[in-house]
Amino acid sequence: MNEVDPIIQMKYLATREEVIIKRALKIHKGLTFNTSMEIEFIKNDGEVKNIFTFTPKLMTINSKYEISNARYVMNAHINGMIDRYTNQGSGWVIKSNKES
């Protein structure tokens, strides 16, 4: 898994997330959840490090047909937060990340 690119990591984890969510939906008949991503940023060739957790709002779903859209919305929100943090010459680059 590419530890640096959050989009690639999200794609690799998509199937696993959907399986877990479907199992929970069968048991609970409705679910409120979110996906978060912890990212370690570096600046100035590693001299400065910072770890941030990007967490979108909780979403509620009631059927398996809503899973894909809910995941899409959450991942787009995470990507937007990352872009806002790294753009406009901030100097921050992603060193590693993990999804939870």
PDB file of N, CA and C in Angstrom:
ATOM      1  N   MET A   1       0.840  -1.179   0.000  1.00  0.00           N
ATOM      2  CA  MET A   1       0.000   0.000   0.000  1.00  0.00           C
ATOM      3  C   MET A   1       0.883   1.240   0.000  1.00  0.00           C
ATOM      4  N   ASN A   2       0.537   2.209  -0.804  1.00  0.00           N
ATOM      5  CA  ASN A   2       1.289   3.454  -0.872  1.00  0.00           C
ATOM      6  C   ASN A   2       0.960   4.294   0.359  1.00  0.00           C
ATOM      7  N   GLU A   3       1.934   4.463   1.222  1.00  0.00           N
ATOM      8  CA  GLU A   3       1.706   5.175   2.474  1.00  0.00           C
ATOM      9  C   GLU A   3       1.630   6.677   2.308  1.00  0.00           C
ATOM     10  N   VAL A   4       2.007   7.182   1.145  1.00  0.00           N
ATOM     11  CA  VAL A   4       2.073   8.621   0.964  1.00  0.00           C
ATOM     12  C   VAL A   4       0.806   9.174   0.304  1.00  0.00           C
ATOM     13  N   ASP A   5       0.177   8.435  -0.571  1.00  0.00           N
ATOM     14  CA  ASP A   5      -0.970   8.945  -1.319  1.00  0.00           C
ATOM     15  C   ASP A   5      -2.285   8.526  -0.668  1.00  0.00           C
ATOM     16  N   PRO A   6      -3.002   9.472  -0.064  1.00  0.00           N
ATOM     17  CA  PRO A   6      -4.251   9.132   0.617  1.00  0.00           C
ATOM     18  C   PRO A   6      -5.323   8.576  -0.318  1.00  0.00           C
ATOM     19  N   ILE A   7      -5.356   9.035  -1.566  1.00  0.00           N
ATOM     20  CA  ILE A   7      -6.373   8.563  -2.508  1.00  0.00           C
ATOM     21  C   ILE A   7      -6.165   7.086  -2.825  1.00  0.00           C
ATOM     22  N   ILE A   8      -4.928   6.689  -3.042  1.00  0.00           N
ATOM     23  CA  ILE A   8      -4.641   5.280  -3.309  1.00  0.00           C
ATOM     24  C   ILE A   8      -4.978   4.434  -2.097  1.00  0.00           C
ATOM     25  N   GLN A   9      -4.657   4.914  -0.919  1.00  0.00           N
ATOM     26  CA  GLN A   9      -4.970   4.164   0.291  1.00  0.00           C
ATOM     27  C   GLN A   9      -6.476   4.010   0.462  1.00  0.00           C
ATOM     28  N   MET A  10      -7.226   5.057   0.193  1.00  0.00           N
ATOM     29  CA  MET A  10      -8.691   4.984   0.294  1.00  0.00           C
ATOM     30  C   MET A  10      -9.248   3.924  -0.659  1.00  0.00           C
ATOM     31  N   LYS A  11      -8.695   3.859  -1.877  1.00  0.00           N
ATOM     32  CA  LYS A  11      -9.169   2.870  -2.856  1.00  0.00           C
ATOM     33  C   LYS A  11      -8.856   1.450  -2.396  1.00  0.00           C
ATOM     34  N   TYR A  12      -7.669   1.233  -1.843  1.00  0.00           N
ATOM     35  CA  TYR A  12      -7.300  -0.095  -1.365  1.00  0.00           C
ATOM     36  C   TYR A  12      -8.191  -0.552  -0.211  1.00  0.00           C
ATOM     37  N   LEU A  13      -8.610   0.368   0.628  1.00  0.00           N
ATOM     38  CA  LEU A  13      -9.404   0.017   1.801  1.00  0.00           C
ATOM     39  C   LEU A  13     -10.905  -0.011   1.539  1.00  0.00           C
ATOM     40  N   ALA A  14     -11.335   0.388   0.362  1.00  0.00           N
ATOM     41  CA  ALA A  14     -12.762   0.506   0.056  1.00  0.00           C
ATOM     42  C   ALA A  14     -13.515  -0.803   0.254  1.00  0.00           C
ATOM     43  N   THR A  15     -13.023  -1.894  -0.288  1.00  0.00           N
ATOM     44  CA  THR A  15     -13.716  -3.171  -0.187  1.00  0.00           C
ATOM     45  C   THR A  15     -13.826  -3.625   1.255  1.00  0.00           C
ATOM     46  N   ARG A  16     -12.758  -3.507   1.989  1.00  0.00           N
ATOM     47  CA  ARG A  16     -12.766  -3.923   3.397  1.00  0.00           C
ATOM     48  C   ARG A  16     -13.760  -3.096   4.221  1.00  0.00           C
ATOM     49  N   GLU A  17     -13.770  -1.799   3.985  1.00  0.00           N
ATOM     50  CA  GLU A  17     -14.714  -0.935   4.692  1.00  0.00           C
ATOM     51  C   GLU A  17     -16.156  -1.331   4.377  1.00  0.00           C
ATOM     52  N   GLU A  18     -16.439  -1.580   3.102  1.00  0.00           N
ATOM     53  CA  GLU A  18     -17.804  -1.934   2.710  1.00  0.00           C
ATOM     54  C   GLU A  18     -18.249  -3.244   3.349  1.00  0.00           C
ATOM     55  N   VAL A  19     -17.366  -4.216   3.433  1.00  0.00           N
ATOM     56  CA  VAL A  19     -17.706  -5.487   4.080  1.00  0.00           C
ATOM     57  C   VAL A  19     -18.034  -5.267   5.553  1.00  0.00           C
ATOM     58  N   ILE A  20     -17.220  -4.504   6.232  1.00  0.00           N
ATOM     59  CA  ILE A  20     -17.450  -4.237   7.660  1.00  0.00           C
ATOM     60  C   ILE A  20     -18.765  -3.491   7.868  1.00  0.00           C
ATOM     61  N   ILE A  21     -19.025  -2.498   7.032  1.00  0.00           N
ATOM     62  CA  ILE A  21     -20.248  -1.708   7.169  1.00  0.00           C
ATOM     63  C   ILE A  21     -21.477  -2.574   6.871  1.00  0.00           C
ATOM     64  N   LYS A  22     -21.415  -3.408   5.838  1.00  0.00           N
ATOM     65  CA  LYS A  22     -22.550  -4.289   5.511  1.00  0.00           C
ATOM     66  C   LYS A  22     -22.854  -5.244   6.657  1.00  0.00           C
ATOM     67  N   ARG A  23     -21.826  -5.801   7.276  1.00  0.00           N
ATOM     68  CA  ARG A  23     -22.039  -6.694   8.422  1.00  0.00           C
ATOM     69  C   ARG A  23     -22.725  -5.957   9.567  1.00  0.00           C
ATOM     70  N   ALA A  24     -22.269  -4.760   9.844  1.00  0.00           N
ATOM     71  CA  ALA A  24     -22.868  -3.976  10.928  1.00  0.00           C
ATOM     72  C   ALA A  24     -24.314  -3.608  10.602  1.00  0.00           C
ATOM     73  N   LEU A  25     -24.590  -3.309   9.328  1.00  0.00           N
ATOM     74  CA  LEU A  25     -25.959  -2.975   8.933  1.00  0.00           C
ATOM     75  C   LEU A  25     -26.908  -4.153   9.129  1.00  0.00           C
ATOM     76  N   LYS A  26     -26.453  -5.364   8.841  1.00  0.00           N
ATOM     77  CA  LYS A  26     -27.293  -6.547   9.026  1.00  0.00           C
ATOM     78  C   LYS A  26     -27.684  -6.724  10.484  1.00  0.00           C
ATOM     79  N   ILE A  27     -26.765  -6.409  11.363  1.00  0.00           N
ATOM     80  CA  ILE A  27     -27.011  -6.572  12.795  1.00  0.00           C
ATOM     81  C   ILE A  27     -27.878  -5.440  13.338  1.00  0.00           C
ATOM     82  N   HIS A  28     -27.577  -4.205  12.965  1.00  0.00           N
ATOM     83  CA  HIS A  28     -28.185  -3.042  13.603  1.00  0.00           C
ATOM     84  C   HIS A  28     -29.310  -2.384  12.809  1.00  0.00           C
ATOM     85  N   LYS A  29     -29.497  -2.730  11.548  1.00  0.00           N
ATOM     86  CA  LYS A  29     -30.563  -2.172  10.701  1.00  0.00           C
ATOM     87  C   LYS A  29     -30.456  -0.658  10.490  1.00  0.00           C
ATOM     88  N   GLY A  30     -29.346  -0.103  10.762  1.00  0.00           N
ATOM     89  CA  GLY A  30     -29.065   1.319  10.586  1.00  0.00           C
ATOM     90  C   GLY A  30     -27.730   1.603  11.245  1.00  0.00           C
ATOM     91  N   LEU A  31     -27.017   2.580  10.747  1.00  0.00           N
ATOM     92  CA  LEU A  31     -25.663   2.779  11.228  1.00  0.00           C
ATOM     93  C   LEU A  31     -25.249   4.232  11.078  1.00  0.00           C
ATOM     94  N   THR A  32     -24.578   4.750  12.074  1.00  0.00           N
ATOM     95  CA  THR A  32     -23.968   6.070  12.001  1.00  0.00           C
ATOM     96  C   THR A  32     -22.462   5.861  12.130  1.00  0.00           C
ATOM     97  N   PHE A  33     -21.709   6.367  11.164  1.00  0.00           N
ATOM     98  CA  PHE A  33     -20.268   6.112  11.154  1.00  0.00           C
ATOM     99  C   PHE A  33     -19.531   7.227  10.435  1.00  0.00           C
ATOM    100  N   ASN A  34     -18.212   7.181  10.562  1.00  0.00           N
ATOM    101  CA  ASN A  34     -17.343   8.019   9.747  1.00  0.00           C
ATOM    102  C   ASN A  34     -16.017   7.301   9.557  1.00  0.00           C
ATOM    103  N   THR A  35     -15.223   7.831   8.678  1.00  0.00           N
ATOM    104  CA  THR A  35     -13.883   7.320   8.415  1.00  0.00           C
ATOM    105  C   THR A  35     -12.928   8.473   8.644  1.00  0.00           C
ATOM    106  N   SER A  36     -11.845   8.234   9.348  1.00  0.00           N
ATOM    107  CA  SER A  36     -10.885   9.310   9.559  1.00  0.00           C
ATOM    108  C   SER A  36      -9.529   8.881   9.010  1.00  0.00           C
ATOM    109  N   MET A  37      -8.680   9.862   8.784  1.00  0.00           N
ATOM    110  CA  MET A  37      -7.341   9.577   8.284  1.00  0.00           C
ATOM    111  C   MET A  37      -6.341  10.410   9.071  1.00  0.00           C
ATOM    112  N   GLU A  38      -5.365   9.733   9.641  1.00  0.00           N
ATOM    113  CA  GLU A  38      -4.290  10.410  10.369  1.00  0.00           C
ATOM    114  C   GLU A  38      -3.111  10.552   9.421  1.00  0.00           C
ATOM    115  N   ILE A  39      -2.646  11.785   9.270  1.00  0.00           N
ATOM    116  CA  ILE A  39      -1.584  12.059   8.304  1.00  0.00           C
ATOM    117  C   ILE A  39      -0.435  12.776   8.997  1.00  0.00           C
ATOM    118  N   GLU A  40       0.763  12.285   8.731  1.00  0.00           N
ATOM    119  CA  GLU A  40       1.968  12.938   9.229  1.00  0.00           C
ATOM    120  C   GLU A  40       2.519  13.813   8.110  1.00  0.00           C
ATOM    121  N   PHE A  41       2.636  15.096   8.391  1.00  0.00           N
ATOM    122  CA  PHE A  41       3.177  16.058   7.439  1.00  0.00           C
ATOM    123  C   PHE A  41       4.592  16.438   7.854  1.00  0.00           C
ATOM    124  N   ILE A  42       5.408  16.749   6.852  1.00  0.00           N
ATOM    125  CA  ILE A  42       6.752  17.266   7.136  1.00  0.00           C
ATOM    126  C   ILE A  42       6.942  18.576   6.369  1.00  0.00           C
ATOM    127  N   LYS A  43       7.861  19.370   6.885  1.00  0.00           N
ATOM    128  CA  LYS A  43       8.164  20.665   6.281  1.00  0.00           C
ATOM    129  C   LYS A  43       9.666  20.884   6.387  1.00  0.00           C
ATOM    130  N   ASN A  44      10.222  21.579   5.428  1.00  0.00           N
ATOM    131  CA  ASN A  44      11.661  21.883   5.430  1.00  0.00           C
ATOM    132  C   ASN A  44      12.507  20.618   5.481  1.00  0.00           C
ATOM    133  N   ASP A  45      12.261  19.715   4.556  1.00  0.00           N
ATOM    134  CA  ASP A  45      13.025  18.467   4.439  1.00  0.00           C
ATOM    135  C   ASP A  45      13.042  17.656   5.727  1.00  0.00           C
ATOM    136  N   GLY A  46      11.930  17.623   6.418  1.00  0.00           N
ATOM    137  CA  GLY A  46      11.807  16.780   7.601  1.00  0.00           C
ATOM    138  C   GLY A  46      12.172  17.426   8.915  1.00  0.00           C
ATOM    139  N   GLU A  47      12.582  18.671   8.886  1.00  0.00           N
ATOM    140  CA  GLU A  47      12.951  19.352  10.132  1.00  0.00           C
ATOM    141  C   GLU A  47      11.740  19.557  11.042  1.00  0.00           C
ATOM    142  N   VAL A  48      10.594  19.821  10.442  1.00  0.00           N
ATOM    143  CA  VAL A  48       9.371  20.073  11.206  1.00  0.00           C
ATOM    144  C   VAL A  48       8.362  18.984  10.862  1.00  0.00           C
ATOM    145  N   LYS A  49       7.790  18.351  11.886  1.00  0.00           N
ATOM    146  CA  LYS A  49       6.783  17.310  11.674  1.00  0.00           C
ATOM    147  C   LYS A  49       5.518  17.693  12.418  1.00  0.00           C
ATOM    148  N   ASN A  50       4.401  17.275  11.864  1.00  0.00           N
ATOM    149  CA  ASN A  50       3.115  17.506  12.503  1.00  0.00           C
ATOM    150  C   ASN A  50       2.174  16.384  12.107  1.00  0.00           C
ATOM    151  N   ILE A  51       1.389  15.865  13.045  1.00  0.00           N
ATOM    152  CA  ILE A  51       0.420  14.812  12.760  1.00  0.00           C
ATOM    153  C   ILE A  51      -0.977  15.375  12.977  1.00  0.00           C
ATOM    154  N   PHE A  52      -1.815  15.223  11.953  1.00  0.00           N
ATOM    155  CA  PHE A  52      -3.197  15.689  12.026  1.00  0.00           C
ATOM    156  C   PHE A  52      -4.137  14.534  11.719  1.00  0.00           C
ATOM    157  N   THR A  53      -5.295  14.545  12.361  1.00  0.00           N
ATOM    158  CA  THR A  53      -6.337  13.575  12.057  1.00  0.00           C
ATOM    159  C   THR A  53      -7.472  14.319  11.375  1.00  0.00           C
ATOM    160  N   PHE A  54      -7.795  13.911  10.160  1.00  0.00           N
ATOM    161  CA  PHE A  54      -8.870  14.512   9.388  1.00  0.00           C
ATOM    162  C   PHE A  54     -10.102  13.629   9.531  1.00  0.00           C
ATOM    163  N   THR A  55     -11.154  14.187  10.128  1.00  0.00           N
ATOM    164  CA  THR A  55     -12.364  13.416  10.416  1.00  0.00           C
ATOM    165  C   THR A  55     -13.586  14.161   9.900  1.00  0.00           C
ATOM    166  N   PRO A  56     -14.280  13.588   8.916  1.00  0.00           N
ATOM    167  CA  PRO A  56     -15.512  14.222   8.447  1.00  0.00           C
ATOM    168  C   PRO A  56     -16.666  13.988   9.427  1.00  0.00           C
ATOM    169  N   LYS A  57     -17.789  14.627   9.170  1.00  0.00           N
ATOM    170  CA  LYS A  57     -18.965  14.468  10.020  1.00  0.00           C
ATOM    171  C   LYS A  57     -19.480  13.032   9.958  1.00  0.00           C
ATOM    172  N   LEU A  58     -20.149  12.630  11.025  1.00  0.00           N
ATOM    173  CA  LEU A  58     -20.794  11.321  11.054  1.00  0.00           C
ATOM    174  C   LEU A  58     -21.920  11.285  10.024  1.00  0.00           C
ATOM    175  N   MET A  59     -22.095  10.113   9.405  1.00  0.00           N
ATOM    176  CA  MET A  59     -23.187   9.931   8.453  1.00  0.00           C
ATOM    177  C   MET A  59     -24.029   8.742   8.890  1.00  0.00           C
ATOM    178  N   THR A  60     -25.321   8.834   8.659  1.00  0.00           N
ATOM    179  CA  THR A  60     -26.235   7.753   8.999  1.00  0.00           C
ATOM    180  C   THR A  60     -26.726   7.103   7.716  1.00  0.00           C
ATOM    181  N   ILE A  61     -26.674   5.783   7.689  1.00  0.00           N
ATOM    182  CA  ILE A  61     -27.194   5.030   6.553  1.00  0.00           C
ATOM    183  C   ILE A  61     -28.134   3.945   7.074  1.00  0.00           C
ATOM    184  N   ASN A  62     -29.092   3.574   6.231  1.00  0.00           N
ATOM    185  CA  ASN A  62     -30.074   2.569   6.621  1.00  0.00           C
ATOM    186  C   ASN A  62     -30.119   1.378   5.672  1.00  0.00           C
ATOM    187  N   SER A  63     -29.369   1.448   4.572  1.00  0.00           N
ATOM    188  CA  SER A  63     -29.347   0.319   3.647  1.00  0.00           C
ATOM    189  C   SER A  63     -27.973   0.214   2.993  1.00  0.00           C
ATOM    190  N   LYS A  64     -27.703  -0.962   2.463  1.00  0.00           N
ATOM    191  CA  LYS A  64     -26.401  -1.191   1.834  1.00  0.00           C
ATOM    192  C   LYS A  64     -26.209  -0.338   0.588  1.00  0.00           C
ATOM    193  N   TYR A  65     -27.305   0.152   0.015  1.00  0.00           N
ATOM    194  CA  TYR A  65     -27.220   0.972  -1.191  1.00  0.00           C
ATOM    195  C   TYR A  65     -26.707   2.383  -0.899  1.00  0.00           C
ATOM    196  N   GLU A  66     -26.672   2.768   0.336  1.00  0.00           N
ATOM    197  CA  GLU A  66     -26.196   4.094   0.722  1.00  0.00           C
ATOM    198  C   GLU A  66     -24.707   4.104   1.080  1.00  0.00           C
ATOM    199  N   ILE A  67     -24.097   2.937   1.207  1.00  0.00           N
ATOM    200  CA  ILE A  67     -22.700   2.837   1.652  1.00  0.00           C
ATOM    201  C   ILE A  67     -21.751   3.560   0.703  1.00  0.00           C
ATOM    202  N   SER A  68     -21.865   3.271  -0.573  1.00  0.00           N
ATOM    203  CA  SER A  68     -20.934   3.830  -1.551  1.00  0.00           C
ATOM    204  C   SER A  68     -20.964   5.357  -1.543  1.00  0.00           C
ATOM    205  N   ASN A  69     -22.146   5.938  -1.532  1.00  0.00           N
ATOM    206  CA  ASN A  69     -22.260   7.397  -1.527  1.00  0.00           C
ATOM    207  C   ASN A  69     -21.709   7.991  -0.228  1.00  0.00           C
ATOM    208  N   ALA A  70     -22.011   7.372   0.899  1.00  0.00           N
ATOM    209  CA  ALA A  70     -21.515   7.874   2.185  1.00  0.00           C
ATOM    210  C   ALA A  70     -19.989   7.850   2.212  1.00  0.00           C
ATOM    211  N   ARG A  71     -19.390   6.774   1.735  1.00  0.00           N
ATOM    212  CA  ARG A  71     -17.927   6.685   1.690  1.00  0.00           C
ATOM    213  C   ARG A  71     -17.355   7.735   0.738  1.00  0.00           C
ATOM    214  N   TYR A  72     -17.998   7.932  -0.413  1.00  0.00           N
ATOM    215  CA  TYR A  72     -17.540   8.923  -1.377  1.00  0.00           C
ATOM    216  C   TYR A  72     -17.535  10.326  -0.750  1.00  0.00           C
ATOM    217  N   VAL A  73     -18.625  10.677  -0.072  1.00  0.00           N
ATOM    218  CA  VAL A  73     -18.736  11.997   0.550  1.00  0.00           C
ATOM    219  C   VAL A  73     -17.645  12.183   1.612  1.00  0.00           C
ATOM    220  N   MET A  74     -17.428  11.152   2.441  1.00  0.00           N
ATOM    221  CA  MET A  74     -16.405  11.253   3.490  1.00  0.00           C
ATOM    222  C   MET A  74     -15.007  11.382   2.899  1.00  0.00           C
ATOM    223  N   ASN A  75     -14.703  10.562   1.900  1.00  0.00           N
ATOM    224  CA  ASN A  75     -13.373  10.621   1.290  1.00  0.00           C
ATOM    225  C   ASN A  75     -13.140  11.957   0.592  1.00  0.00           C
ATOM    226  N   ALA A  76     -14.171  12.488  -0.067  1.00  0.00           N
ATOM    227  CA  ALA A  76     -14.040  13.801  -0.715  1.00  0.00           C
ATOM    228  C   ALA A  76     -13.793  14.889   0.332  1.00  0.00           C
ATOM    229  N   HIS A  77     -14.460  14.779   1.462  1.00  0.00           N
ATOM    230  CA  HIS A  77     -14.266  15.763   2.538  1.00  0.00           C
ATOM    231  C   HIS A  77     -12.832  15.696   3.081  1.00  0.00           C
ATOM    232  N   ILE A  78     -12.334  14.473   3.297  1.00  0.00           N
ATOM    233  CA  ILE A  78     -10.955  14.300   3.769  1.00  0.00           C
ATOM    234  C   ILE A  78      -9.968  14.883   2.753  1.00  0.00           C
ATOM    235  N   ASN A  79     -10.173  14.582   1.466  1.00  0.00           N
ATOM    236  CA  ASN A  79      -9.283  15.125   0.428  1.00  0.00           C
ATOM    237  C   ASN A  79      -9.316  16.645   0.405  1.00  0.00           C
ATOM    238  N   GLY A  80     -10.491  17.217   0.597  1.00  0.00           N
ATOM    239  CA  GLY A  80     -10.604  18.680   0.645  1.00  0.00           C
ATOM    240  C   GLY A  80      -9.845  19.274   1.817  1.00  0.00           C
ATOM    241  N   MET A  81      -9.939  18.615   2.987  1.00  0.00           N
ATOM    242  CA  MET A  81      -9.207  19.111   4.162  1.00  0.00           C
ATOM    243  C   MET A  81      -7.696  19.030   3.939  1.00  0.00           C
ATOM    244  N   ILE A  82      -7.240  17.946   3.319  1.00  0.00           N
ATOM    245  CA  ILE A  82      -5.807  17.793   3.030  1.00  0.00           C
ATOM    246  C   ILE A  82      -5.361  18.884   2.054  1.00  0.00           C
ATOM    247  N   ASP A  83      -6.144  19.106   1.006  1.00  0.00           N
ATOM    248  CA  ASP A  83      -5.797  20.135   0.017  1.00  0.00           C
ATOM    249  C   ASP A  83      -5.713  21.515   0.644  1.00  0.00           C
ATOM    250  N   ARG A  84      -6.658  21.841   1.506  1.00  0.00           N
ATOM    251  CA  ARG A  84      -6.628  23.153   2.162  1.00  0.00           C
ATOM    252  C   ARG A  84      -5.385  23.307   3.034  1.00  0.00           C
ATOM    253  N   TYR A  85      -4.920  22.213   3.610  1.00  0.00           N
ATOM    254  CA  TYR A  85      -3.759  22.278   4.487  1.00  0.00           C
ATOM    255  C   TYR A  85      -2.453  22.398   3.703  1.00  0.00           C
ATOM    256  N   THR A  86      -2.384  21.752   2.538  1.00  0.00           N
ATOM    257  CA  THR A  86      -1.111  21.692   1.808  1.00  0.00           C
ATOM    258  C   THR A  86      -0.972  22.709   0.686  1.00  0.00           C
ATOM    259  N   ASN A  87      -2.033  23.418   0.337  1.00  0.00           N
ATOM    260  CA  ASN A  87      -1.928  24.308  -0.827  1.00  0.00           C
ATOM    261  C   ASN A  87      -1.439  25.703  -0.463  1.00  0.00           C
ATOM    262  N   GLN A  88      -1.313  26.537  -1.467  1.00  0.00           N
ATOM    263  CA  GLN A  88      -0.911  27.936  -1.356  1.00  0.00           C
ATOM    264  C   GLN A  88       0.466  28.112  -0.726  1.00  0.00           C
ATOM    265  N   GLY A  89       1.400  27.245  -1.113  1.00  0.00           N
ATOM    266  CA  GLY A  89       2.787  27.407  -0.687  1.00  0.00           C
ATOM    267  C   GLY A  89       3.049  27.180   0.786  1.00  0.00           C
ATOM    268  N   SER A  90       2.236  26.356   1.426  1.00  0.00           N
ATOM    269  CA  SER A  90       2.416  26.132   2.866  1.00  0.00           C
ATOM    270  C   SER A  90       3.729  25.410   3.165  1.00  0.00           C
ATOM    271  N   GLY A  91       4.219  24.639   2.194  1.00  0.00           N
ATOM    272  CA  GLY A  91       5.458  23.902   2.406  1.00  0.00           C
ATOM    273  C   GLY A  91       5.262  22.543   3.050  1.00  0.00           C
ATOM    274  N   TRP A  92       4.037  22.234   3.505  1.00  0.00           N
ATOM    275  CA  TRP A  92       3.771  20.940   4.136  1.00  0.00           C
ATOM    276  C   TRP A  92       3.567  19.876   3.056  1.00  0.00           C
ATOM    277  N   VAL A  93       4.198  18.728   3.233  1.00  0.00           N
ATOM    278  CA  VAL A  93       4.005  17.580   2.350  1.00  0.00           C
ATOM    279  C   VAL A  93       3.694  16.352   3.209  1.00  0.00           C
ATOM    280  N   ILE A  94       2.999  15.394   2.609  1.00  0.00           N
ATOM    281  CA  ILE A  94       2.607  14.196   3.336  1.00  0.00           C
ATOM    282  C   ILE A  94       3.791  13.254   3.443  1.00  0.00           C
ATOM    283  N   LYS A  95       4.066  12.809   4.648  1.00  0.00           N
ATOM    284  CA  LYS A  95       5.107  11.817   4.861  1.00  0.00           C
ATOM    285  C   LYS A  95       4.496  10.416   4.953  1.00  0.00           C
ATOM    286  N   SER A  96       3.419  10.265   5.732  1.00  0.00           N
ATOM    287  CA  SER A  96       2.730   8.973   5.851  1.00  0.00           C
ATOM    288  C   SER A  96       1.318   9.224   6.330  1.00  0.00           C
ATOM    289  N   ASN A  97       0.473   8.189   6.225  1.00  0.00           N
ATOM    290  CA  ASN A  97      -0.889   8.303   6.713  1.00  0.00           C
ATOM    291  C   ASN A  97      -1.427   6.944   7.094  1.00  0.00           C
ATOM    292  N   LYS A  98      -2.517   6.956   7.858  1.00  0.00           N
ATOM    293  CA  LYS A  98      -3.220   5.720   8.155  1.00  0.00           C
ATOM    294  C   LYS A  98      -4.688   6.048   8.324  1.00  0.00           C
ATOM    295  N   GLU A  99      -5.515   5.174   7.780  1.00  0.00           N
ATOM    296  CA  GLU A  99      -6.961   5.375   7.834  1.00  0.00           C
ATOM    297  C   GLU A  99      -7.506   4.584   9.009  1.00  0.00           C
ATOM    298  N   SER A 100      -8.463   5.190   9.690  1.00  0.00           N
ATOM    299  CA  SER A 100      -9.082   4.484  10.812  1.00  0.00           C
ATOM    300  C   SER A 100     -10.574   4.651  10.777  1.00  0.00           C
TER     301      SER A 100
END
